[in-house]
Every structure is written in C-alpha cells, then in structure tokens.
Amino acid sequence: MFGDMMNMMGKLKETQKKVEETKKRLDTVLIDEKSNDGKVKVTLTANRIIKSISISDDLLTDNDELEDYLIVTLNKAIEKATKINETELAAVAKEGLPNIPGLDMFK
C-alpha cells in the first residue's frame, strides 16, 4: 500500500513537471488571427499572451470601428489559443493520472 502511494506521488510529481514544461512550450506556439478584411492582425501565444497587433492606417481615424475590429479579432485569437492550451494540458494531465475506476475526468 505504501509503495503504491509513493509510486503514485512520484507519478504526480512527474506529471506536474510535464505540465510546467508544456506551459513553457506553449509560450512558443504562436496563433495568428486577422479580421475578415485583413485590416487588423494579432499574434498571441497559446498561453494567451499578446505578441503583436497590426492595424491598417484607415482604421486609425475611427475609434469605434477600431475598437470593434480589435474586440472581434482578439476574441477569435484568444478562443483558438484557449483550445490549443486546454487540449495540450489535458493530454499531459491525463497521461500522468493514475487509472482510478470511475474517475475519467478527460473523456
């Protein structure tokens, strides 16, 4: 029993290390998104850190239109980044969890 517990603790520590490594790797995964007409382009990491924003000059004269473009484009990029982030971290977590009957958190 004690050996099983120690083995499980070791596996959990290994999984925690893999999760941290995956988070670091996700800092290097870049998601590019642009508005439908290409007037706004954003790049962010899979950890949802904005790296760049490019705005067409013709949007700089209309604050309301610029805000709308930014909101839509950033939200699309964040949604993509979140899906990648959650998928990658869930895969690492599932790999490291002990097989406990009835506890399938990542179906």
C-alpha atoms as a PDB file:
ATOM      1  CA  MET A   1       0.000   0.000   0.000  1.00  0.00           C
ATOM      2  CA  PHE A   2       2.753   2.452   0.990  1.00  0.00           C
ATOM      3  CA  GLY A   3       4.760   1.552  -2.113  1.00  0.00           C
ATOM      4  CA  ASP A   4       1.713   2.208  -4.292  1.00  0.00           C
ATOM      5  CA  MET A   5       1.252   5.574  -2.634  1.00  0.00           C
ATOM      6  CA  MET A   6       4.894   6.506  -3.174  1.00  0.00           C
ATOM      7  CA  ASN A   7       4.670   5.383  -6.799  1.00  0.00           C
ATOM      8  CA  MET A   8       1.538   7.497  -7.266  1.00  0.00           C
ATOM      9  CA  MET A   9       3.201  10.536  -5.671  1.00  0.00           C
ATOM     10  CA  GLY A  10       6.221  10.108  -7.931  1.00  0.00           C
ATOM     11  CA  LYS A  11       3.955   9.888 -10.971  1.00  0.00           C
ATOM     12  CA  LEU A  12       2.082  13.028  -9.894  1.00  0.00           C
ATOM     13  CA  LYS A  13       5.367  14.950  -9.492  1.00  0.00           C
ATOM     14  CA  GLU A  14       6.469  13.765 -12.930  1.00  0.00           C
ATOM     15  CA  THR A  15       3.139  14.880 -14.384  1.00  0.00           C
ATOM     16  CA  GLN A  16       3.443  18.273 -12.691  1.00  0.00           C
ATOM     17  CA  LYS A  17       6.881  18.682 -14.265  1.00  0.00           C
ATOM     18  CA  LYS A  18       5.475  17.749 -17.692  1.00  0.00           C
ATOM     19  CA  VAL A  19       2.629  20.254 -17.260  1.00  0.00           C
ATOM     20  CA  GLU A  20       5.150  23.006 -16.479  1.00  0.00           C
ATOM     21  CA  GLU A  21       7.247  22.030 -19.498  1.00  0.00           C
ATOM     22  CA  THR A  22       4.125  22.084 -21.676  1.00  0.00           C
ATOM     23  CA  LYS A  23       3.215  25.557 -20.402  1.00  0.00           C
ATOM     24  CA  LYS A  24       6.686  26.803 -21.312  1.00  0.00           C
ATOM     25  CA  ARG A  25       6.418  25.222 -24.760  1.00  0.00           C
ATOM     26  CA  LEU A  26       3.015  26.860 -25.278  1.00  0.00           C
ATOM     27  CA  ASP A  27       4.754  30.223 -24.864  1.00  0.00           C
ATOM     28  CA  THR A  28       6.450  29.471 -28.190  1.00  0.00           C
ATOM     29  CA  VAL A  29       3.295  28.384 -30.034  1.00  0.00           C
ATOM     30  CA  LEU A  30       2.032  31.431 -31.930  1.00  0.00           C
ATOM     31  CA  ILE A  31      -1.532  31.971 -33.097  1.00  0.00           C
ATOM     32  CA  ASP A  32      -2.070  34.474 -35.891  1.00  0.00           C
ATOM     33  CA  GLU A  33      -5.549  35.889 -36.412  1.00  0.00           C
ATOM     34  CA  LYS A  34      -6.817  38.621 -38.659  1.00  0.00           C
ATOM     35  CA  SER A  35     -10.091  40.371 -39.311  1.00  0.00           C
ATOM     36  CA  ASN A  36     -12.081  39.174 -42.320  1.00  0.00           C
ATOM     37  CA  ASP A  37     -10.766  42.029 -44.451  1.00  0.00           C
ATOM     38  CA  GLY A  38      -7.238  41.883 -43.018  1.00  0.00           C
ATOM     39  CA  LYS A  39      -7.324  45.378 -41.506  1.00  0.00           C
ATOM     40  CA  VAL A  40      -6.388  44.085 -38.038  1.00  0.00           C
ATOM     41  CA  LYS A  41      -3.886  41.301 -37.387  1.00  0.00           C
ATOM     42  CA  VAL A  42      -2.948  39.919 -33.979  1.00  0.00           C
ATOM     43  CA  THR A  43      -0.442  37.346 -32.825  1.00  0.00           C
ATOM     44  CA  LEU A  44      -0.544  35.726 -29.417  1.00  0.00           C
ATOM     45  CA  THR A  45       0.894  32.672 -27.734  1.00  0.00           C
ATOM     46  CA  ALA A  46      -1.079  29.557 -26.848  1.00  0.00           C
ATOM     47  CA  ASN A  47      -0.797  30.873 -23.274  1.00  0.00           C
ATOM     48  CA  ARG A  48      -2.821  33.896 -24.433  1.00  0.00           C
ATOM     49  CA  ILE A  49      -0.025  36.478 -24.265  1.00  0.00           C
ATOM     50  CA  ILE A  50      -0.383  39.120 -26.981  1.00  0.00           C
ATOM     51  CA  LYS A  51       2.809  39.416 -29.018  1.00  0.00           C
ATOM     52  CA  SER A  52       1.791  41.851 -31.738  1.00  0.00           C
ATOM     53  CA  ILE A  53      -1.083  43.878 -33.141  1.00  0.00           C
ATOM     54  CA  SER A  54      -1.077  45.345 -36.634  1.00  0.00           C
ATOM     55  CA  ILE A  55      -3.708  47.934 -37.605  1.00  0.00           C
ATOM     56  CA  SER A  56      -4.465  49.296 -41.046  1.00  0.00           C
ATOM     57  CA  ASP A  57      -3.985  53.068 -41.263  1.00  0.00           C
ATOM     58  CA  ASP A  58      -7.563  53.669 -42.426  1.00  0.00           C
ATOM     59  CA  LEU A  59      -8.882  52.351 -39.086  1.00  0.00           C
ATOM     60  CA  LEU A  60      -6.889  54.895 -37.087  1.00  0.00           C
ATOM     61  CA  THR A  61      -9.369  57.682 -37.785  1.00  0.00           C
ATOM     62  CA  ASP A  62     -12.442  55.924 -36.345  1.00  0.00           C
ATOM     63  CA  ASN A  63     -12.044  54.853 -32.722  1.00  0.00           C
ATOM     64  CA  ASP A  64     -15.357  52.988 -32.538  1.00  0.00           C
ATOM     65  CA  GLU A  65     -14.632  50.964 -35.662  1.00  0.00           C
ATOM     66  CA  LEU A  66     -11.090  50.221 -34.446  1.00  0.00           C
ATOM     67  CA  GLU A  67     -12.388  49.041 -31.073  1.00  0.00           C
ATOM     68  CA  ASP A  68     -14.908  46.748 -32.788  1.00  0.00           C
ATOM     69  CA  TYR A  69     -12.204  45.262 -35.005  1.00  0.00           C
ATOM     70  CA  LEU A  70      -9.868  44.710 -32.065  1.00  0.00           C
ATOM     71  CA  ILE A  71     -12.517  43.091 -29.895  1.00  0.00           C
ATOM     72  CA  VAL A  72     -13.657  40.652 -32.578  1.00  0.00           C
ATOM     73  CA  THR A  73     -10.168  39.739 -33.766  1.00  0.00           C
ATOM     74  CA  LEU A  74      -8.672  39.386 -30.288  1.00  0.00           C
ATOM     75  CA  ASN A  75     -11.591  37.255 -29.109  1.00  0.00           C
ATOM     76  CA  LYS A  76     -11.183  34.898 -32.072  1.00  0.00           C
ATOM     77  CA  ALA A  77      -7.453  34.596 -31.397  1.00  0.00           C
ATOM     78  CA  ILE A  78      -7.989  34.024 -27.668  1.00  0.00           C
ATOM     79  CA  GLU A  79     -10.570  31.331 -28.411  1.00  0.00           C
ATOM     80  CA  LYS A  80      -8.100  29.480 -30.676  1.00  0.00           C
ATOM     81  CA  ALA A  81      -5.294  29.835 -28.134  1.00  0.00           C
ATOM     82  CA  THR A  82      -7.518  28.573 -25.319  1.00  0.00           C
ATOM     83  CA  LYS A  83      -8.488  25.467 -27.282  1.00  0.00           C
ATOM     84  CA  ILE A  84      -4.848  24.648 -28.006  1.00  0.00           C
ATOM     85  CA  ASN A  85      -3.840  25.343 -24.414  1.00  0.00           C
ATOM     86  CA  GLU A  86      -6.604  23.213 -22.889  1.00  0.00           C
ATOM     87  CA  THR A  87      -6.051  20.330 -25.315  1.00  0.00           C
ATOM     88  CA  GLU A  88      -2.302  20.206 -24.690  1.00  0.00           C
ATOM     89  CA  LEU A  89      -2.543  20.477 -20.902  1.00  0.00           C
ATOM     90  CA  ALA A  90      -5.391  17.938 -20.689  1.00  0.00           C
ATOM     91  CA  ALA A  91      -3.348  15.428 -22.692  1.00  0.00           C
ATOM     92  CA  VAL A  92      -0.372  15.789 -20.339  1.00  0.00           C
ATOM     93  CA  ALA A  93      -2.561  15.601 -17.233  1.00  0.00           C
ATOM     94  CA  LYS A  94      -4.461  12.545 -18.468  1.00  0.00           C
ATOM     95  CA  GLU A  95      -1.204  10.769 -19.272  1.00  0.00           C
ATOM     96  CA  GLY A  96       0.054  11.217 -15.721  1.00  0.00           C
ATOM     97  CA  LEU A  97      -3.060  10.487 -13.703  1.00  0.00           C
ATOM     98  CA  PRO A  98      -3.393   7.079 -12.092  1.00  0.00           C
ATOM     99  CA  ASN A  99      -6.118   4.849 -13.502  1.00  0.00           C
ATOM    100  CA  ILE A 100      -8.841   5.128 -10.871  1.00  0.00           C
ATOM    101  CA  PRO A 101     -12.075   3.320 -11.830  1.00  0.00           C
ATOM    102  CA  GLY A 102     -14.996   5.692 -12.207  1.00  0.00           C
ATOM    103  CA  LEU A 103     -12.745   8.759 -12.364  1.00  0.00           C
ATOM    104  CA  ASP A 104     -12.446   9.569 -16.048  1.00  0.00           C
ATOM    105  CA  MET A 105     -12.155  13.360 -15.979  1.00  0.00           C
ATOM    106  CA  PHE A 106     -10.911  13.761 -19.559  1.00  0.00           C
ATOM    107  CA  LYS A 107     -13.391  11.939 -21.769  1.00  0.00           C
END
